[in-house]
Structure formats: structure tokens, C-alpha cells
């Protein structure tokens, strides 16, 4: 099973140490360094989740030509993920999120290295060619949009054109919902859904109204991830449209980082295998409940998902 993963690749860099005093220079903790840890983030974490679920991820994205890119490529290869569709752009840094974290998993600070500017010139042509190549070889497509310049209207259009009848699942970040018109499923978290609709989501009625507004703007089925409340699904593809609240399954939350990546990866695989959207959403909800119990951007396995 091939899933095309198109979007913003990131390297999550954790600087881990102990805190036992406050700096005399400013009211901030002094972190005594112990180790570095590197993990796949963004679209790369979506791909890692797909691989962890025993499928093949065809990754399309942009990297720099820096040391961060080499580390990212090495981590991909260690996971059995090909990096041949990554477009190198010497003028851009590879996106890296540096988190200073204590040994008790408390985040002290974060430093972002990134360039959100739109691509230009030959890099655009190379990216669109990679999008078409991956999409035509896939049984589902994930667009992982972290607003770092990859998931542009041109990329969305190229994926839609190449997709044919296969599902396109989008994890959105841009508040303009119409940008994603014509995709199969849109999976905003409730904060993103609020920005897209100009509403507040506090109750089931609020979630239902927001999901229907997003459907009206995009034509897509809508899956709103809602933290401890679970998920809200508006499935317009059913014989009769379905509004479905799926309660959360997490017993203990350690870190929500990357949970959305796990959701879209699981959802895409289930849809590619022919499951209904409601069943796929329930499975994705279970996967999210597992992954938030782990530290940092993490993955789930098929064994963990089995009842």
C-alpha cells in the first residue's frame, strides 16, 4: 500500500538536560545539558506513522542543503523511508524545531529555524513533478500543511489532478478554508476550525455547525480533532450525511505534539484499504489516544491498534 505524503518536512531537535537552579542573569531556569535527541516532525512524522503501520510512504517536500537536511534524510532512511522525492533548495534552511526540555519532559523553550517564503524558479517545477509522480503511484494522498511554503494552491491542484478517484486527506493550517476545496477529508483541530469559520467551539452543537460551515466552503468531509473531547465527524459522503461525535480514548496525556500527524496517517491508510470514513475516523481516534501517551512526535504500530 502506497500513501503519498506531501508537505512540510521538519526535524525535531530536543536538547535535554536537568534543571536545579534559576539563572542569576534573568528569571529563567538553567538547563544542564545531558543529551541531544532527533525525531522526524511535520510531514516526515506522517510518513513515519505510515511506515510504522506497515505501509509505504512516498514523501514529497523541500529541504535545504544543510546539516539538518542530512540528519533528516538519515532518520528517514533508518525508518525505511525513501528520500528521492525531496527537493533540495540551497537558499532555504531545512525546518528545525529546537526544544529545550528537562529530564521530566517539561519544555523550557523552543527555537525555530525556518523559511516560510514561497518557492520560486526551478524548485517549483521540481516540486510539482514530484507531487505528480508520488500521487500517481499512491492509493491515498496526505497533504500535511504546516504553512512552511510547500502546500501551495499549485501543489493542491497538482495533487487533485493526479489523484483521480483516490482520497486526499488534508491536515490544514491556513485559515482560508476555500484553499482546500475539492479534497476528500479536511482534518483541522478545533482551534484551526474556529479560525476557519470565525466561530467558537465549546459544545457539540458548535462543532456540528463549524463542520457544516467548513463542508459548505470546501465540499470536503470534515473531521475536527477536539482534544480531550475526541473528534467530530461530518461525513457528507454517506448515503445520508452523518454527524458523529467520537469520544477521546486517551487514558493519560504526556504530549500532544504530532498527534494530528498520526490521525491523518491512520485515516489515509484506512480509507486506502476501503474502510468507511466513520470507521476510519474511529481508528484514527484510537491511534491518537495511543500516541498522546508518548513523549514528542511519535508513531503507533498495527499491534498497538489491534483491539
Protein backbone atom coordinates (compact mmCIF):
# COMPACT_ATOMS: atom_id res chain seq x y z
CA UNK A 1 0.00 0.00 0.00
CA UNK A 2 1.46 3.35 -1.10
CA UNK A 3 0.45 6.64 0.52
CA UNK A 4 1.78 9.90 -0.92
CA UNK A 5 2.78 12.31 1.84
CA UNK A 6 3.20 15.83 0.51
CA UNK A 7 4.03 18.70 2.81
CA UNK A 8 6.32 20.49 5.21
CA UNK A 9 9.15 18.30 6.48
CA UNK A 10 10.70 19.10 9.85
CA UNK A 11 13.41 17.89 12.16
CA UNK A 12 12.50 17.93 15.84
CA UNK A 13 15.68 18.52 17.86
CA UNK A 14 15.44 18.02 21.61
CA UNK A 15 18.12 19.48 23.87
CA UNK A 16 17.61 17.55 27.11
CA UNK A 17 19.04 18.40 30.50
CA UNK A 18 18.48 18.84 34.21
CA UNK A 19 17.27 21.97 35.96
CA UNK A 20 18.38 22.62 39.53
CA UNK A 21 18.68 26.41 39.71
CA UNK A 22 17.48 29.70 38.28
CA UNK A 23 19.86 31.91 36.31
CA UNK A 24 21.26 34.91 38.20
CA UNK A 25 21.12 36.85 34.89
CA UNK A 26 17.35 36.53 34.32
CA UNK A 27 14.39 34.70 35.91
CA UNK A 28 14.83 31.62 33.73
CA UNK A 29 15.92 28.06 34.54
CA UNK A 30 19.47 26.95 33.85
CA UNK A 31 19.38 23.67 31.90
CA UNK A 32 22.45 21.49 32.47
CA UNK A 33 22.90 19.68 29.14
CA UNK A 34 22.75 15.87 29.11
CA UNK A 35 21.95 14.79 25.54
CA UNK A 36 20.53 15.66 22.12
CA UNK A 37 17.67 13.72 20.55
CA UNK A 38 16.40 14.00 16.97
CA UNK A 39 12.98 12.96 15.65
CA UNK A 40 11.01 13.31 12.44
CA UNK A 41 8.43 16.09 12.51
CA UNK A 42 5.68 17.52 10.35
CA UNK A 43 5.09 15.64 7.10
CA UNK A 44 8.09 13.43 7.95
CA UNK A 45 6.27 12.27 11.08
CA UNK A 46 3.18 11.49 9.00
CA UNK A 47 5.39 9.32 6.80
CA UNK A 48 6.95 7.64 9.85
CA UNK A 49 3.48 6.77 11.14
CA UNK A 50 2.53 5.26 7.78
CA UNK A 51 5.70 3.18 7.76
CA UNK A 52 5.08 2.11 11.36
CA UNK A 53 1.67 0.84 10.21
CA UNK A 54 3.38 -1.38 7.61
CA UNK A 55 2.68 0.70 4.51
CA UNK A 56 4.91 2.67 2.16
CA UNK A 57 5.08 6.46 2.32
CA UNK A 58 6.05 8.32 -0.86
CA UNK A 59 7.41 11.54 0.63
CA UNK A 60 7.42 14.86 -1.23
CA UNK A 61 8.81 18.01 0.35
CA UNK A 62 11.53 20.61 0.41
CA UNK A 63 14.81 20.60 2.34
CA UNK A 64 17.89 22.75 2.39
CA UNK A 65 21.41 21.57 1.69
CA UNK A 66 22.49 21.92 5.30
CA UNK A 67 23.45 19.56 8.12
CA UNK A 68 19.81 19.46 9.25
CA UNK A 69 18.82 18.04 5.86
CA UNK A 70 21.42 15.31 6.19
CA UNK A 71 20.17 14.39 9.66
CA UNK A 72 16.58 14.35 8.39
CA UNK A 73 17.48 12.15 5.42
CA UNK A 74 19.39 9.76 7.68
CA UNK A 75 16.41 9.41 10.03
CA UNK A 76 14.12 8.74 7.06
CA UNK A 77 16.43 6.01 5.76
CA UNK A 78 16.65 4.44 9.21
CA UNK A 79 12.86 4.13 9.14
CA UNK A 80 12.92 2.56 5.69
CA UNK A 81 11.60 5.72 4.03
CA UNK A 82 12.91 6.85 0.64
CA UNK A 83 14.16 10.43 0.27
CA UNK A 84 14.42 10.55 -3.53
CA UNK A 85 11.42 12.91 -3.93
CA UNK A 86 12.79 15.57 -1.58
CA UNK A 87 13.59 18.80 -3.42
CA UNK A 88 16.83 20.43 -2.20
CA UNK A 89 16.83 24.24 -2.18
CA UNK A 90 20.23 25.68 -1.20
CA UNK A 91 18.81 29.10 -0.29
CA UNK A 92 16.44 27.71 2.37
CA UNK A 93 17.18 26.17 5.75
CA UNK A 94 15.67 22.78 6.47
CA UNK A 95 12.94 23.41 9.03
CA UNK A 96 14.20 22.53 12.51
CA UNK A 97 12.40 22.94 15.82
CA UNK A 98 14.84 23.03 18.75
CA UNK A 99 13.11 22.31 22.05
CA UNK A 100 14.94 22.72 25.33
CA UNK A 101 13.42 20.07 27.58
CA UNK A 102 14.08 18.89 31.13
CA UNK A 103 14.56 15.25 32.03
CA UNK A 104 10.98 15.37 33.37
CA UNK A 105 9.75 16.20 29.84
CA UNK A 106 8.98 19.82 30.68
CA UNK A 107 9.61 22.18 27.77
CA UNK A 108 11.60 25.27 28.73
CA UNK A 109 11.95 26.99 25.35
CA UNK A 110 11.71 26.44 21.60
CA UNK A 111 13.78 27.90 18.78
CA UNK A 112 12.54 27.59 15.17
CA UNK A 113 14.81 27.60 12.13
CA UNK A 114 12.63 28.01 9.05
CA UNK A 115 11.74 29.96 5.93
CA UNK A 116 8.04 30.37 5.15
CA UNK A 117 8.53 32.21 1.85
CA UNK A 118 7.02 30.78 -1.30
CA UNK A 119 9.28 28.71 -3.53
CA UNK A 120 10.49 30.22 -6.77
CA UNK A 121 12.03 29.16 -10.07
CA UNK A 122 13.18 25.59 -10.83
CA UNK A 123 12.33 24.42 -7.30
CA UNK A 124 8.63 24.91 -8.03
CA UNK A 125 8.82 22.79 -11.19
CA UNK A 126 10.77 20.06 -9.37
CA UNK A 127 8.25 20.03 -6.50
CA UNK A 128 5.24 19.79 -8.83
CA UNK A 129 6.88 16.95 -10.78
CA UNK A 130 7.49 15.07 -7.53
CA UNK A 131 3.86 15.67 -6.45
CA UNK A 132 2.55 14.19 -9.69
CA UNK A 133 4.93 11.22 -9.54
CA UNK A 134 4.02 10.29 -5.97
CA UNK A 135 0.29 10.90 -6.40
CA UNK A 136 0.03 8.69 -9.47
CA UNK A 137 1.73 5.81 -7.61
CA UNK A 138 -0.40 6.07 -4.46
CA UNK A 139 -3.69 4.69 -3.14
CA UNK A 140 -4.25 7.80 -1.00
CA UNK A 141 -2.68 11.24 -0.61
CA UNK A 142 -1.94 13.22 2.56
CA UNK A 143 -1.27 16.95 2.34
CA UNK A 144 0.50 17.96 5.56
CA UNK A 145 0.33 21.74 5.68
CA UNK A 146 2.37 23.49 8.39
CA UNK A 147 2.49 26.81 6.48
CA UNK A 148 6.16 26.44 5.51
CA UNK A 149 5.63 27.04 1.81
CA UNK A 150 5.10 23.56 0.34
CA UNK A 151 1.31 23.06 0.28
CA UNK A 152 0.53 25.92 -2.09
CA UNK A 153 -2.57 26.24 -4.29
CA UNK A 154 -0.45 24.92 -7.18
CA UNK A 155 0.58 21.84 -5.20
CA UNK A 156 -3.00 21.19 -4.09
CA UNK A 157 -4.18 21.49 -7.70
CA UNK A 158 -1.44 19.14 -8.93
CA UNK A 159 -2.34 16.54 -6.30
CA UNK A 160 -6.05 16.78 -7.14
CA UNK A 161 -5.34 16.45 -10.86
CA UNK A 162 -3.14 13.39 -10.38
CA UNK A 163 -5.33 11.76 -7.73
CA UNK A 164 -8.16 10.52 -9.92
CA UNK A 165 -10.55 8.70 -7.60
CA UNK A 166 -8.21 8.13 -4.65
CA UNK A 167 -8.80 10.03 -1.39
CA UNK A 168 -6.94 13.22 -0.48
CA UNK A 169 -6.66 13.95 3.23
CA UNK A 170 -5.50 17.40 4.36
CA UNK A 171 -4.15 18.45 7.74
CA UNK A 172 -4.65 22.22 7.33
CA UNK A 173 -3.01 25.25 8.85
CA UNK A 174 -4.12 28.08 6.54
CA UNK A 175 -7.29 29.77 7.87
CA UNK A 176 -8.68 30.23 4.34
CA UNK A 177 -10.76 27.03 4.09
CA UNK A 178 -11.58 27.58 0.41
CA UNK A 179 -7.91 26.96 -0.37
CA UNK A 180 -8.57 23.25 0.26
CA UNK A 181 -11.72 22.99 -1.89
CA UNK A 182 -12.19 19.66 -3.60
CA UNK A 183 -10.21 17.43 -1.23
CA UNK A 184 -11.77 14.35 0.33
CA UNK A 185 -11.29 14.97 4.05
CA UNK A 186 -10.17 18.05 5.96
CA UNK A 187 -8.85 17.42 9.49
CA UNK A 188 -8.46 20.71 11.41
CA UNK A 189 -8.07 20.76 15.15
CA UNK A 190 -10.75 22.76 16.93
CA UNK A 191 -8.58 25.90 17.14
CA UNK A 192 -7.99 25.78 13.37
CA UNK A 193 -11.69 25.12 12.76
CA UNK A 194 -12.53 28.20 14.85
CA UNK A 195 -10.16 30.36 12.78
CA UNK A 196 -11.53 28.98 9.52
CA UNK A 197 -15.16 29.60 10.47
CA UNK A 198 -14.91 32.63 12.74
CA UNK A 199 -16.82 30.72 15.43
CA UNK A 200 -16.19 29.32 18.90
CA UNK A 201 -16.33 25.57 19.51
CA UNK A 202 -17.39 24.82 23.06
CA UNK A 203 -20.26 22.37 22.62
CA UNK A 204 -21.34 19.56 20.32
CA UNK A 205 -23.72 21.96 18.59
CA UNK A 206 -20.80 24.35 17.99
CA UNK A 207 -18.70 21.53 16.49
CA UNK A 208 -21.59 20.43 14.28
CA UNK A 209 -22.14 23.95 12.99
CA UNK A 210 -18.42 24.54 12.32
CA UNK A 211 -18.07 21.23 10.48
CA UNK A 212 -21.03 22.05 8.25
CA UNK A 213 -19.65 25.52 7.54
CA UNK A 214 -16.31 24.00 6.53
CA UNK A 215 -18.06 21.49 4.30
CA UNK A 216 -20.01 24.28 2.61
CA UNK A 217 -16.72 26.16 1.96
CA UNK A 218 -14.72 23.18 0.67
CA UNK A 219 -17.07 20.37 -0.37
CA UNK A 220 -14.93 18.08 1.80
CA UNK A 221 -15.86 15.72 4.59
CA UNK A 222 -14.77 17.27 7.89
CA UNK A 223 -13.04 15.64 10.85
CA UNK A 224 -12.42 18.11 13.68
CA UNK A 225 -9.94 16.86 16.27
CA UNK A 226 -11.09 18.16 19.63
CA UNK A 227 -8.50 17.28 22.27
CA UNK A 228 -9.92 15.64 25.36
CA UNK A 229 -13.38 15.75 23.74
CA UNK A 230 -12.30 13.39 20.95
CA UNK A 231 -13.37 14.16 17.38
CA UNK A 232 -16.35 15.48 15.46
CA UNK A 233 -17.03 13.98 12.02
CA UNK A 234 -19.27 15.36 9.32
CA UNK A 235 -19.43 12.67 6.65
CA UNK A 236 -21.15 14.06 3.60
CA UNK A 237 -20.13 11.03 1.51
CA UNK A 238 -22.53 8.68 3.29
CA UNK A 239 -25.91 7.83 1.75
CA UNK A 240 -27.36 10.26 4.27
CA UNK A 241 -24.88 12.82 5.71
CA UNK A 242 -23.62 11.77 9.15
CA UNK A 243 -22.81 13.95 12.17
CA UNK A 244 -20.78 11.83 14.57
CA UNK A 245 -19.12 12.62 17.90
CA UNK A 246 -16.25 10.20 18.63
CA UNK A 247 -15.20 10.36 22.32
CA UNK A 248 -11.49 10.51 23.19
CA UNK A 249 -9.78 7.27 24.20
CA UNK A 250 -6.55 8.55 25.80
CA UNK A 251 -6.10 7.46 29.41
CA UNK A 252 -3.05 9.60 30.09
CA UNK A 253 -1.74 12.51 28.05
CA UNK A 254 2.04 13.01 28.03
CA UNK A 255 2.48 15.14 24.89
CA UNK A 256 0.08 16.12 22.09
CA UNK A 257 2.94 17.01 19.71
CA UNK A 258 2.39 15.27 16.36
CA UNK A 259 -0.97 13.74 17.27
CA UNK A 260 -2.50 15.28 14.15
CA UNK A 261 0.18 13.57 12.06
CA UNK A 262 -0.87 10.21 13.48
CA UNK A 263 -4.52 10.98 12.78
CA UNK A 264 -4.05 11.76 9.08
CA UNK A 265 -1.67 8.83 8.57
CA UNK A 266 -4.10 6.33 10.11
CA UNK A 267 -7.09 7.87 8.35
CA UNK A 268 -5.37 7.75 4.94
CA UNK A 269 -4.39 4.11 5.33
CA UNK A 270 -7.86 3.05 6.43
CA UNK A 271 -9.51 4.88 3.54
CA UNK A 272 -6.99 3.46 1.06
CA UNK A 273 -7.95 -0.02 2.28
CA UNK A 274 -11.61 0.67 1.57
CA UNK A 275 -12.94 1.33 5.07
CA UNK A 276 -15.83 3.72 5.56
CA UNK A 277 -14.97 7.23 6.69
CA UNK A 278 -16.68 6.72 10.06
CA UNK A 279 -14.73 3.51 10.72
CA UNK A 280 -11.51 5.16 9.55
CA UNK A 281 -12.15 8.11 11.89
CA UNK A 282 -12.73 5.79 14.86
CA UNK A 283 -9.44 4.03 14.11
CA UNK A 284 -7.62 7.37 13.81
CA UNK A 285 -9.12 8.43 17.13
CA UNK A 286 -7.80 5.28 18.77
CA UNK A 287 -4.35 5.90 17.26
CA UNK A 288 -4.35 9.47 18.57
CA UNK A 289 -5.27 8.22 22.04
CA UNK A 290 -2.20 5.98 21.98
CA UNK A 291 0.30 8.48 20.61
CA UNK A 292 -0.52 11.31 23.06
CA UNK A 293 0.66 8.98 25.81
CA UNK A 294 4.19 9.17 24.37
CA UNK A 295 6.74 11.97 24.51
CA UNK A 296 7.35 14.10 21.42
CA UNK A 297 6.25 13.39 17.86
CA UNK A 298 5.76 9.62 17.94
CA UNK A 299 4.23 6.76 15.98
CA UNK A 300 1.83 3.88 16.56
CA UNK A 301 2.08 0.32 15.30
CA UNK A 302 -0.51 -2.08 13.93
CA UNK A 303 -0.09 -4.18 17.07
CA UNK A 304 -0.97 -1.21 19.29
CA UNK A 305 -4.11 -0.54 17.26
CA UNK A 306 -5.44 -4.08 17.47
CA UNK A 307 -8.39 -4.34 19.89
